[in-house]
Amino acid sequence: QRYYSLTGSDVVTIVQQALYDPATASAVPYLLSRLADGEKDAINPFI
């Protein structure tokens, strides 16, 4: 277990991987709407 420190590049990489995987892709649009509003914790389950 490590403490993460996610930057913009990390987020772009995580989002691309989530979009590629059918198990997570359908939830990405809602995730992005929350992240764009500054709700950063919303990305935790996608990591």
All heavy atoms as atom14 arrays in JSON, in Angstrom:
{
  "sequence": "QRYYSLTGSDVVTIVQQALYDPATASAVPYLLSRLADGEKDAINPFI",
  "atom14_mask": [
    [1, 1, 1, 1, 1, 1, 1, 1, 1, 0, 0, 0, 0, 0],
    [1, 1, 1, 1, 1, 1, 1, 1, 1, 1, 1, 0, 0, 0],
    [1, 1, 1, 1, 1, 1, 1, 1, 1, 1, 1, 1, 0, 0],
    [1, 1, 1, 1, 1, 1, 1, 1, 1, 1, 1, 1, 0, 0],
    [1, 1, 1, 1, 1, 1, 0, 0, 0, 0, 0, 0, 0, 0],
    [1, 1, 1, 1, 1, 1, 1, 1, 0, 0, 0, 0, 0, 0],
    [1, 1, 1, 1, 1, 1, 1, 0, 0, 0, 0, 0, 0, 0],
    [1, 1, 1, 1, 0, 0, 0, 0, 0, 0, 0, 0, 0, 0],
    [1, 1, 1, 1, 1, 1, 0, 0, 0, 0, 0, 0, 0, 0],
    [1, 1, 1, 1, 1, 1, 1, 1, 0, 0, 0, 0, 0, 0],
    [1, 1, 1, 1, 1, 1, 1, 0, 0, 0, 0, 0, 0, 0],
    [1, 1, 1, 1, 1, 1, 1, 0, 0, 0, 0, 0, 0, 0],
    [1, 1, 1, 1, 1, 1, 1, 0, 0, 0, 0, 0, 0, 0],
    [1, 1, 1, 1, 1, 1, 1, 1, 0, 0, 0, 0, 0, 0],
    [1, 1, 1, 1, 1, 1, 1, 0, 0, 0, 0, 0, 0, 0],
    [1, 1, 1, 1, 1, 1, 1, 1, 1, 0, 0, 0, 0, 0],
    [1, 1, 1, 1, 1, 1, 1, 1, 1, 0, 0, 0, 0, 0],
    [1, 1, 1, 1, 1, 0, 0, 0, 0, 0, 0, 0, 0, 0],
    [1, 1, 1, 1, 1, 1, 1, 1, 0, 0, 0, 0, 0, 0],
    [1, 1, 1, 1, 1, 1, 1, 1, 1, 1, 1, 1, 0, 0],
    [1, 1, 1, 1, 1, 1, 1, 1, 0, 0, 0, 0, 0, 0],
    [1, 1, 1, 1, 1, 1, 1, 0, 0, 0, 0, 0, 0, 0],
    [1, 1, 1, 1, 1, 0, 0, 0, 0, 0, 0, 0, 0, 0],
    [1, 1, 1, 1, 1, 1, 1, 0, 0, 0, 0, 0, 0, 0],
    [1, 1, 1, 1, 1, 0, 0, 0, 0, 0, 0, 0, 0, 0],
    [1, 1, 1, 1, 1, 1, 0, 0, 0, 0, 0, 0, 0, 0],
    [1, 1, 1, 1, 1, 0, 0, 0, 0, 0, 0, 0, 0, 0],
    [1, 1, 1, 1, 1, 1, 1, 0, 0, 0, 0, 0, 0, 0],
    [1, 1, 1, 1, 1, 1, 1, 0, 0, 0, 0, 0, 0, 0],
    [1, 1, 1, 1, 1, 1, 1, 1, 1, 1, 1, 1, 0, 0],
    [1, 1, 1, 1, 1, 1, 1, 1, 0, 0, 0, 0, 0, 0],
    [1, 1, 1, 1, 1, 1, 1, 1, 0, 0, 0, 0, 0, 0],
    [1, 1, 1, 1, 1, 1, 0, 0, 0, 0, 0, 0, 0, 0],
    [1, 1, 1, 1, 1, 1, 1, 1, 1, 1, 1, 0, 0, 0],
    [1, 1, 1, 1, 1, 1, 1, 1, 0, 0, 0, 0, 0, 0],
    [1, 1, 1, 1, 1, 0, 0, 0, 0, 0, 0, 0, 0, 0],
    [1, 1, 1, 1, 1, 1, 1, 1, 0, 0, 0, 0, 0, 0],
    [1, 1, 1, 1, 0, 0, 0, 0, 0, 0, 0, 0, 0, 0],
    [1, 1, 1, 1, 1, 1, 1, 1, 1, 0, 0, 0, 0, 0],
    [1, 1, 1, 1, 1, 1, 1, 1, 1, 0, 0, 0, 0, 0],
    [1, 1, 1, 1, 1, 1, 1, 1, 0, 0, 0, 0, 0, 0],
    [1, 1, 1, 1, 1, 0, 0, 0, 0, 0, 0, 0, 0, 0],
    [1, 1, 1, 1, 1, 1, 1, 1, 0, 0, 0, 0, 0, 0],
    [1, 1, 1, 1, 1, 1, 1, 1, 0, 0, 0, 0, 0, 0],
    [1, 1, 1, 1, 1, 1, 1, 0, 0, 0, 0, 0, 0, 0],
    [1, 1, 1, 1, 1, 1, 1, 1, 1, 1, 1, 0, 0, 0],
    [1, 1, 1, 1, 1, 1, 1, 1, 0, 0, 0, 0, 0, 0]
  ],
  "atom14_positions": [
    [[0.84, -1.19, 0.0], [0.0, 0.0, 0.0], [0.88, 1.24, 0.0], [1.86, 1.33, 0.73], [-0.92, -0.01, 1.22], [-2.14, 0.88, 1.09], [-3.11, 0.65, 2.22], [-2.76, 0.74, 3.39], [-4.36, 0.35, 1.9], [0.0, 0.0, 0.0], [0.0, 0.0, 0.0], [0.0, 0.0, 0.0], [0.0, 0.0, 0.0], [0.0, 0.0, 0.0]],
    [[0.53, 2.18, -0.87], [1.29, 3.42, -0.98], [0.33, 4.61, -0.98], [-0.83, 4.48, -1.36], [2.1, 3.44, -2.28], [3.12, 2.33, -2.45], [4.32, 2.55, -1.54], [4.94, 3.85, -1.74], [5.87, 4.1, -2.68], [6.27, 3.14, -3.49], [6.39, 5.31, -2.79], [0.0, 0.0, 0.0], [0.0, 0.0, 0.0], [0.0, 0.0, 0.0]],
    [[0.84, 5.76, -0.58], [0.06, 7.0, -0.71], [0.23, 7.54, -2.13], [1.35, 7.7, -2.61], [0.54, 8.04, 0.31], [0.02, 7.79, 1.69], [0.83, 7.18, 2.65], [-1.27, 8.16, 2.04], [0.36, 6.95, 3.93], [-1.76, 7.92, 3.33], [-0.93, 7.32, 4.26], [-1.41, 7.08, 5.52], [0.0, 0.0, 0.0], [0.0, 0.0, 0.0]],
    [[-0.88, 7.78, -2.78], [-0.78, 8.32, -4.13], [-0.83, 9.84, -4.1], [-1.31, 10.47, -3.14], [-1.85, 7.76, -5.05], [-3.29, 8.11, -4.72], [-3.78, 9.4, -4.89], [-4.18, 7.13, -4.28], [-5.1, 9.72, -4.61], [-5.5, 7.44, -4.0], [-5.96, 8.73, -4.17], [-7.26, 9.04, -3.89], [0.0, 0.0, 0.0], [0.0, 0.0, 0.0]],
    [[-0.31, 10.42, -5.18], [-0.38, 11.86, -5.39], [-0.66, 12.05, -6.87], [0.26, 12.07, -7.7], [0.94, 12.53, -4.99], [0.86, 13.93, -5.13], [0.0, 0.0, 0.0], [0.0, 0.0, 0.0], [0.0, 0.0, 0.0], [0.0, 0.0, 0.0], [0.0, 0.0, 0.0], [0.0, 0.0, 0.0], [0.0, 0.0, 0.0], [0.0, 0.0, 0.0]],
    [[-1.93, 12.16, -7.21], [-2.34, 12.14, -8.61], [-2.3, 13.53, -9.23], [-2.89, 14.48, -8.71], [-3.77, 11.58, -8.74], [-4.0, 10.16, -8.26], [-5.44, 9.75, -8.56], [-3.03, 9.18, -8.89], [0.0, 0.0, 0.0], [0.0, 0.0, 0.0], [0.0, 0.0, 0.0], [0.0, 0.0, 0.0], [0.0, 0.0, 0.0], [0.0, 0.0, 0.0]],
    [[-1.61, 13.62, -10.36], [-1.54, 14.85, -11.14], [-2.46, 14.73, -12.35], [-3.11, 13.7, -12.55], [-0.11, 15.11, -11.6], [0.3, 14.05, -12.47], [0.85, 15.18, -10.41], [0.0, 0.0, 0.0], [0.0, 0.0, 0.0], [0.0, 0.0, 0.0], [0.0, 0.0, 0.0], [0.0, 0.0, 0.0], [0.0, 0.0, 0.0], [0.0, 0.0, 0.0]],
    [[-2.48, 15.77, -13.17], [-3.32, 15.74, -14.37], [-2.97, 14.6, -15.3], [-3.86, 13.97, -15.88], [0.0, 0.0, 0.0], [0.0, 0.0, 0.0], [0.0, 0.0, 0.0], [0.0, 0.0, 0.0], [0.0, 0.0, 0.0], [0.0, 0.0, 0.0], [0.0, 0.0, 0.0], [0.0, 0.0, 0.0], [0.0, 0.0, 0.0], [0.0, 0.0, 0.0]],
    [[-1.69, 14.3, -15.46], [-1.28, 13.19, -16.35], [-1.77, 11.85, -15.81], [-2.18, 10.98, -16.57], [0.24, 13.18, -16.51], [0.67, 14.31, -17.23], [0.0, 0.0, 0.0], [0.0, 0.0, 0.0], [0.0, 0.0, 0.0], [0.0, 0.0, 0.0], [0.0, 0.0, 0.0], [0.0, 0.0, 0.0], [0.0, 0.0, 0.0], [0.0, 0.0, 0.0]],
    [[-1.7, 11.68, -14.49], [-2.2, 10.45, -13.89], [-3.69, 10.29, -14.16], [-4.17, 9.18, -14.47], [-1.94, 10.45, -12.39], [-0.47, 10.49, -12.04], [0.33, 9.89, -12.78], [-0.11, 11.14, -11.04], [0.0, 0.0, 0.0], [0.0, 0.0, 0.0], [0.0, 0.0, 0.0], [0.0, 0.0, 0.0], [0.0, 0.0, 0.0], [0.0, 0.0, 0.0]],
    [[-4.43, 11.37, -14.06], [-5.88, 11.32, -14.29], [-6.18, 10.96, -15.74], [-7.04, 10.12, -16.02], [-6.53, 12.66, -13.91], [-7.98, 12.7, -14.37], [-6.46, 12.87, -12.41], [0.0, 0.0, 0.0], [0.0, 0.0, 0.0], [0.0, 0.0, 0.0], [0.0, 0.0, 0.0], [0.0, 0.0, 0.0], [0.0, 0.0, 0.0], [0.0, 0.0, 0.0]],
    [[-5.48, 11.57, -16.67], [-5.7, 11.26, -18.09], [-5.41, 9.78, -18.36], [-6.15, 9.11, -19.09], [-4.82, 12.17, -18.98], [-4.85, 11.7, -20.43], [-5.29, 13.61, -18.89], [0.0, 0.0, 0.0], [0.0, 0.0, 0.0], [0.0, 0.0, 0.0], [0.0, 0.0, 0.0], [0.0, 0.0, 0.0], [0.0, 0.0, 0.0], [0.0, 0.0, 0.0]],
    [[-4.35, 9.26, -17.77], [-3.99, 7.85, -17.96], [-5.06, 6.94, -17.36], [-5.47, 5.95, -17.98], [-2.62, 7.56, -17.32], [-1.64, 8.44, -17.87], [-2.21, 6.12, -17.57], [0.0, 0.0, 0.0], [0.0, 0.0, 0.0], [0.0, 0.0, 0.0], [0.0, 0.0, 0.0], [0.0, 0.0, 0.0], [0.0, 0.0, 0.0], [0.0, 0.0, 0.0]],
    [[-5.52, 7.25, -16.15], [-6.55, 6.43, -15.5], [-7.84, 6.46, -16.29], [-8.49, 5.42, -16.49], [-6.77, 6.93, -14.05], [-5.55, 6.58, -13.19], [-8.03, 6.32, -13.45], [-5.55, 7.25, -11.83], [0.0, 0.0, 0.0], [0.0, 0.0, 0.0], [0.0, 0.0, 0.0], [0.0, 0.0, 0.0], [0.0, 0.0, 0.0], [0.0, 0.0, 0.0]],
    [[-8.23, 7.64, -16.78], [-9.47, 7.76, -17.55], [-9.37, 6.96, -18.84], [-10.33, 6.27, -19.24], [-9.78, 9.24, -17.84], [-10.86, 9.38, -18.9], [-10.22, 9.94, -16.55], [0.0, 0.0, 0.0], [0.0, 0.0, 0.0], [0.0, 0.0, 0.0], [0.0, 0.0, 0.0], [0.0, 0.0, 0.0], [0.0, 0.0, 0.0], [0.0, 0.0, 0.0]],
    [[-8.23, 7.03, -19.53], [-8.11, 6.26, -20.77], [-8.22, 4.76, -20.52], [-8.9, 4.05, -21.25], [-6.77, 6.56, -21.46], [-6.7, 5.96, -22.86], [-5.34, 5.39, -23.2], [-4.63, 4.88, -22.33], [-4.97, 5.46, -24.46], [0.0, 0.0, 0.0], [0.0, 0.0, 0.0], [0.0, 0.0, 0.0], [0.0, 0.0, 0.0], [0.0, 0.0, 0.0]],
    [[-7.59, 4.29, -19.46], [-7.67, 2.87, -19.14], [-9.09, 2.47, -18.76], [-9.57, 1.39, -19.1], [-6.7, 2.53, -18.01], [-5.24, 2.69, -18.37], [-4.82, 1.8, -19.53], [-4.98, 0.58, -19.49], [-4.28, 2.41, -20.58], [0.0, 0.0, 0.0], [0.0, 0.0, 0.0], [0.0, 0.0, 0.0], [0.0, 0.0, 0.0], [0.0, 0.0, 0.0]],
    [[-9.78, 3.35, -18.03], [-11.16, 3.06, -17.65], [-12.08, 3.04, -18.86], [-13.02, 2.24, -18.93], [-11.65, 4.09, -16.64], [0.0, 0.0, 0.0], [0.0, 0.0, 0.0], [0.0, 0.0, 0.0], [0.0, 0.0, 0.0], [0.0, 0.0, 0.0], [0.0, 0.0, 0.0], [0.0, 0.0, 0.0], [0.0, 0.0, 0.0], [0.0, 0.0, 0.0]],
    [[-11.81, 3.89, -19.84], [-12.61, 3.9, -21.07], [-12.37, 2.64, -21.9], [-13.27, 2.19, -22.62], [-12.28, 5.13, -21.91], [-12.88, 6.45, -21.44], [-12.24, 7.61, -22.2], [-14.39, 6.47, -21.62], [0.0, 0.0, 0.0], [0.0, 0.0, 0.0], [0.0, 0.0, 0.0], [0.0, 0.0, 0.0], [0.0, 0.0, 0.0], [0.0, 0.0, 0.0]],
    [[-11.19, 2.08, -21.82], [-10.86, 0.89, -22.61], [-11.56, -0.35, -22.07], [-11.93, -1.25, -22.83], [-9.35, 0.68, -22.6], [-8.84, -0.27, -23.66], [-8.57, 0.18, -24.94], [-8.64, -1.62, -23.39], [-8.1, -0.68, -25.93], [-8.18, -2.49, -24.35], [-7.91, -2.02, -25.62], [-7.45, -2.88, -26.58], [0.0, 0.0, 0.0], [0.0, 0.0, 0.0]],
    [[-11.76, -0.41, -20.77], [-12.29, -1.6, -20.11], [-13.82, -1.54, -20.08], [-14.4, -0.63, -19.47], [-11.75, -1.68, -18.68], [-12.14, -2.96, -17.96], [-12.93, -3.75, -18.53], [-11.65, -3.17, -16.84], [0.0, 0.0, 0.0], [0.0, 0.0, 0.0], [0.0, 0.0, 0.0], [0.0, 0.0, 0.0], [0.0, 0.0, 0.0], [0.0, 0.0, 0.0]],
    [[-14.52, -2.49, -20.71], [-15.99, -2.47, -20.7], [-16.58, -2.51, -19.29], [-17.71, -2.07, -19.08], [-16.38, -3.72, -21.49], [-15.2, -4.01, -22.35], [-14.01, -3.59, -21.55], [0.0, 0.0, 0.0], [0.0, 0.0, 0.0], [0.0, 0.0, 0.0], [0.0, 0.0, 0.0], [0.0, 0.0, 0.0], [0.0, 0.0, 0.0], [0.0, 0.0, 0.0]],
    [[-15.83, -3.04, -18.33], [-16.34, -3.13, -16.97], [-16.42, -1.78, -16.28], [-17.1, -1.64, -15.26], [-15.47, -4.08, -16.14], [0.0, 0.0, 0.0], [0.0, 0.0, 0.0], [0.0, 0.0, 0.0], [0.0, 0.0, 0.0], [0.0, 0.0, 0.0], [0.0, 0.0, 0.0], [0.0, 0.0, 0.0], [0.0, 0.0, 0.0], [0.0, 0.0, 0.0]],
    [[-15.74, -0.78, -16.8], [-15.72, 0.54, -16.15], [-16.13, 1.68, -17.08], [-16.45, 2.77, -16.6], [-14.31, 0.85, -15.6], [-13.36, 0.77, -16.69], [-13.9, -0.15, -14.53], [0.0, 0.0, 0.0], [0.0, 0.0, 0.0], [0.0, 0.0, 0.0], [0.0, 0.0, 0.0], [0.0, 0.0, 0.0], [0.0, 0.0, 0.0], [0.0, 0.0, 0.0]],
    [[-16.15, 1.43, -18.39], [-16.3, 2.52, -19.36], [-17.6, 3.29, -19.2], [-17.61, 4.53, -19.33], [-16.2, 1.96, -20.78], [0.0, 0.0, 0.0], [0.0, 0.0, 0.0], [0.0, 0.0, 0.0], [0.0, 0.0, 0.0], [0.0, 0.0, 0.0], [0.0, 0.0, 0.0], [0.0, 0.0, 0.0], [0.0, 0.0, 0.0], [0.0, 0.0, 0.0]],
    [[-18.71, 2.61, -18.92], [-19.99, 3.31, -18.89], [-20.08, 4.32, -17.75], [-20.91, 5.23, -17.78], [-21.14, 2.3, -18.78], [-21.1, 1.62, -17.54], [0.0, 0.0, 0.0], [0.0, 0.0, 0.0], [0.0, 0.0, 0.0], [0.0, 0.0, 0.0], [0.0, 0.0, 0.0], [0.0, 0.0, 0.0], [0.0, 0.0, 0.0], [0.0, 0.0, 0.0]],
    [[-19.25, 4.16, -16.73], [-19.29, 5.08, -15.59], [-18.37, 6.28, -15.77], [-18.43, 7.23, -14.97], [-18.9, 4.33, -14.31], [0.0, 0.0, 0.0], [0.0, 0.0, 0.0], [0.0, 0.0, 0.0], [0.0, 0.0, 0.0], [0.0, 0.0, 0.0], [0.0, 0.0, 0.0], [0.0, 0.0, 0.0], [0.0, 0.0, 0.0], [0.0, 0.0, 0.0]],
    [[-17.53, 6.28, -16.81], [-16.55, 7.36, -16.97], [-17.19, 8.72, -17.22], [-16.74, 9.73, -16.66], [-15.54, 7.0, -18.09], [-14.67, 8.2, -18.44], [-14.67, 5.83, -17.65], [0.0, 0.0, 0.0], [0.0, 0.0, 0.0], [0.0, 0.0, 0.0], [0.0, 0.0, 0.0], [0.0, 0.0, 0.0], [0.0, 0.0, 0.0], [0.0, 0.0, 0.0]],
    [[-18.23, 8.84, -18.06], [-18.82, 10.17, -18.26], [-19.27, 10.83, -16.95], [-19.01, 12.03, -16.73], [-20.01, 9.9, -19.19], [-19.61, 8.68, -19.94], [-18.86, 7.85, -18.95], [0.0, 0.0, 0.0], [0.0, 0.0, 0.0], [0.0, 0.0, 0.0], [0.0, 0.0, 0.0], [0.0, 0.0, 0.0], [0.0, 0.0, 0.0], [0.0, 0.0, 0.0]],
    [[-19.95, 10.07, -16.1], [-20.38, 10.63, -14.82], [-19.17, 10.98, -13.96], [-19.15, 12.02, -13.29], [-21.28, 9.64, -14.08], [-21.83, 10.18, -12.79], [-22.84, 11.12, -12.78], [-21.32, 9.75, -11.57], [-23.34, 11.64, -11.59], [-21.81, 10.26, -10.37], [-22.82, 11.19, -10.38], [-23.3, 11.7, -9.2], [0.0, 0.0, 0.0], [0.0, 0.0, 0.0]],
    [[-18.14, 10.12, -13.98], [-16.91, 10.42, -13.24], [-16.33, 11.75, -13.69], [-15.98, 12.6, -12.86], [-15.88, 9.31, -13.46], [-14.44, 9.63, -13.02], [-14.36, 9.72, -11.5], [-13.46, 8.63, -13.57], [0.0, 0.0, 0.0], [0.0, 0.0, 0.0], [0.0, 0.0, 0.0], [0.0, 0.0, 0.0], [0.0, 0.0, 0.0], [0.0, 0.0, 0.0]],
    [[-16.22, 11.96, -15.01], [-15.6, 13.19, -15.51], [-16.4, 14.42, -15.11], [-15.82, 15.47, -14.8], [-15.46, 13.12, -17.03], [-14.37, 12.18, -17.55], [-14.38, 12.13, -19.08], [-12.99, 12.62, -17.06], [0.0, 0.0, 0.0], [0.0, 0.0, 0.0], [0.0, 0.0, 0.0], [0.0, 0.0, 0.0], [0.0, 0.0, 0.0], [0.0, 0.0, 0.0]],
    [[-17.71, 14.3, -15.1], [-18.52, 15.45, -14.7], [-18.25, 15.83, -13.25], [-18.23, 17.02, -12.9], [-20.01, 15.15, -14.91], [-20.48, 14.17, -13.99], [0.0, 0.0, 0.0], [0.0, 0.0, 0.0], [0.0, 0.0, 0.0], [0.0, 0.0, 0.0], [0.0, 0.0, 0.0], [0.0, 0.0, 0.0], [0.0, 0.0, 0.0], [0.0, 0.0, 0.0]],
    [[-18.02, 14.85, -12.39], [-17.72, 15.13, -10.98], [-16.3, 15.67, -10.81], [-16.08, 16.61, -10.04], [-17.89, 13.87, -10.13], [-19.33, 13.37, -10.03], [-19.46, 12.3, -8.96], [-19.22, 12.86, -7.62], [-19.03, 12.12, -6.54], [-19.01, 10.79, -6.63], [-18.84, 12.69, -5.36], [0.0, 0.0, 0.0], [0.0, 0.0, 0.0], [0.0, 0.0, 0.0]],
    [[-15.35, 15.08, -11.53], [-13.97, 15.56, -11.42], [-13.85, 17.0, -11.91], [-13.13, 17.81, -11.32], [-13.03, 14.66, -12.22], [-12.88, 13.21, -11.75], [-11.9, 12.46, -12.65], [-12.45, 13.13, -10.3], [0.0, 0.0, 0.0], [0.0, 0.0, 0.0], [0.0, 0.0, 0.0], [0.0, 0.0, 0.0], [0.0, 0.0, 0.0], [0.0, 0.0, 0.0]],
    [[-14.55, 17.32, -13.01], [-14.5, 18.67, -13.54], [-15.07, 19.68, -12.55], [-14.69, 20.86, -12.55], [-15.27, 18.75, -14.86], [0.0, 0.0, 0.0], [0.0, 0.0, 0.0], [0.0, 0.0, 0.0], [0.0, 0.0, 0.0], [0.0, 0.0, 0.0], [0.0, 0.0, 0.0], [0.0, 0.0, 0.0], [0.0, 0.0, 0.0], [0.0, 0.0, 0.0]],
    [[-15.98, 19.22, -11.68], [-16.55, 20.08, -10.64], [-15.68, 20.14, -9.39], [-16.07, 20.74, -8.38], [-17.95, 19.59, -10.26], [-18.97, 19.85, -11.35], [-18.71, 20.72, -12.2], [-20.01, 19.17, -11.36], [0.0, 0.0, 0.0], [0.0, 0.0, 0.0], [0.0, 0.0, 0.0], [0.0, 0.0, 0.0], [0.0, 0.0, 0.0], [0.0, 0.0, 0.0]],
    [[-14.52, 19.49, -9.44], [-13.6, 19.55, -8.32], [-13.78, 18.47, -7.28], [-13.12, 18.5, -6.24], [0.0, 0.0, 0.0], [0.0, 0.0, 0.0], [0.0, 0.0, 0.0], [0.0, 0.0, 0.0], [0.0, 0.0, 0.0], [0.0, 0.0, 0.0], [0.0, 0.0, 0.0], [0.0, 0.0, 0.0], [0.0, 0.0, 0.0], [0.0, 0.0, 0.0]],
    [[-14.65, 17.47, -7.54], [-14.88, 16.39, -6.57], [-13.83, 15.3, -6.81], [-14.11, 14.25, -7.39], [-16.3, 15.85, -6.72], [-17.36, 16.9, -6.45], [-18.77, 16.37, -6.68], [-19.1, 15.28, -6.16], [-19.53, 17.02, -7.41], [0.0, 0.0, 0.0], [0.0, 0.0, 0.0], [0.0, 0.0, 0.0], [0.0, 0.0, 0.0], [0.0, 0.0, 0.0]],
    [[-12.62, 15.54, -6.35], [-11.47, 14.7, -6.69], [-11.56, 13.29, -6.13], [-11.04, 12.33, -6.72], [-10.18, 15.37, -6.24], [-9.89, 16.67, -6.96], [-8.54, 17.23, -6.6], [-8.48, 17.68, -5.16], [-7.18, 18.33, -4.83], [0.0, 0.0, 0.0], [0.0, 0.0, 0.0], [0.0, 0.0, 0.0], [0.0, 0.0, 0.0], [0.0, 0.0, 0.0]],
    [[-12.22, 13.12, -4.99], [-12.31, 11.79, -4.38], [-13.08, 10.8, -5.25], [-12.99, 9.58, -5.02], [-12.97, 11.87, -3.01], [-12.04, 12.47, -1.96], [-10.84, 12.6, -2.25], [-12.52, 12.81, -0.86], [0.0, 0.0, 0.0], [0.0, 0.0, 0.0], [0.0, 0.0, 0.0], [0.0, 0.0, 0.0], [0.0, 0.0, 0.0], [0.0, 0.0, 0.0]],
    [[-13.85, 11.3, -6.21], [-14.64, 10.42, -7.06], [-13.77, 9.45, -7.86], [-14.24, 8.4, -8.3], [-15.52, 11.23, -8.01], [0.0, 0.0, 0.0], [0.0, 0.0, 0.0], [0.0, 0.0, 0.0], [0.0, 0.0, 0.0], [0.0, 0.0, 0.0], [0.0, 0.0, 0.0], [0.0, 0.0, 0.0], [0.0, 0.0, 0.0], [0.0, 0.0, 0.0]],
    [[-12.5, 9.79, -8.05], [-11.62, 8.93, -8.85], [-11.12, 7.73, -8.07], [-10.61, 6.76, -8.67], [-10.42, 9.74, -9.4], [-9.84, 9.04, -10.64], [-9.35, 9.95, -8.33], [-8.83, 9.86, -11.39], [0.0, 0.0, 0.0], [0.0, 0.0, 0.0], [0.0, 0.0, 0.0], [0.0, 0.0, 0.0], [0.0, 0.0, 0.0], [0.0, 0.0, 0.0]],
    [[-11.25, 7.72, -6.74], [-10.66, 6.66, -5.92], [-11.01, 5.25, -6.39], [-10.12, 4.4, -6.51], [-11.07, 6.85, -4.46], [-10.41, 8.05, -3.82], [-9.45, 8.6, -4.37], [-10.92, 8.49, -2.69], [0.0, 0.0, 0.0], [0.0, 0.0, 0.0], [0.0, 0.0, 0.0], [0.0, 0.0, 0.0], [0.0, 0.0, 0.0], [0.0, 0.0, 0.0]],
    [[-12.29, 4.92, -6.64], [-12.6, 3.54, -7.03], [-12.05, 3.14, -8.39], [-11.94, 1.95, -8.68], [-14.14, 3.52, -7.05], [-14.57, 4.7, -6.25], [-13.51, 5.72, -6.46], [0.0, 0.0, 0.0], [0.0, 0.0, 0.0], [0.0, 0.0, 0.0], [0.0, 0.0, 0.0], [0.0, 0.0, 0.0], [0.0, 0.0, 0.0], [0.0, 0.0, 0.0]],
    [[-11.7, 4.1, -9.22], [-11.21, 3.79, -10.56], [-9.72, 3.46, -10.57], [-9.22, 2.89, -11.53], [-11.47, 4.97, -11.51], [-12.9, 5.14, -11.89], [-13.78, 5.77, -11.04], [-13.38, 4.65, -13.1], [-15.12, 5.93, -11.38], [-14.71, 4.8, -13.45], [-15.59, 5.44, -12.58], [0.0, 0.0, 0.0], [0.0, 0.0, 0.0], [0.0, 0.0, 0.0]],
    [[-9.02, 3.83, -9.52], [-7.57, 3.65, -9.51], [-7.18, 2.17, -9.54], [-6.37, 1.76, -10.4], [-6.94, 4.37, -8.3], [-7.18, 5.87, -8.4], [-5.45, 4.07, -8.22], [-6.78, 6.65, -7.15], [0.0, 0.0, 0.0], [0.0, 0.0, 0.0], [0.0, 0.0, 0.0], [0.0, 0.0, 0.0], [0.0, 0.0, 0.0], [0.0, 0.0, 0.0]]
  ]
}
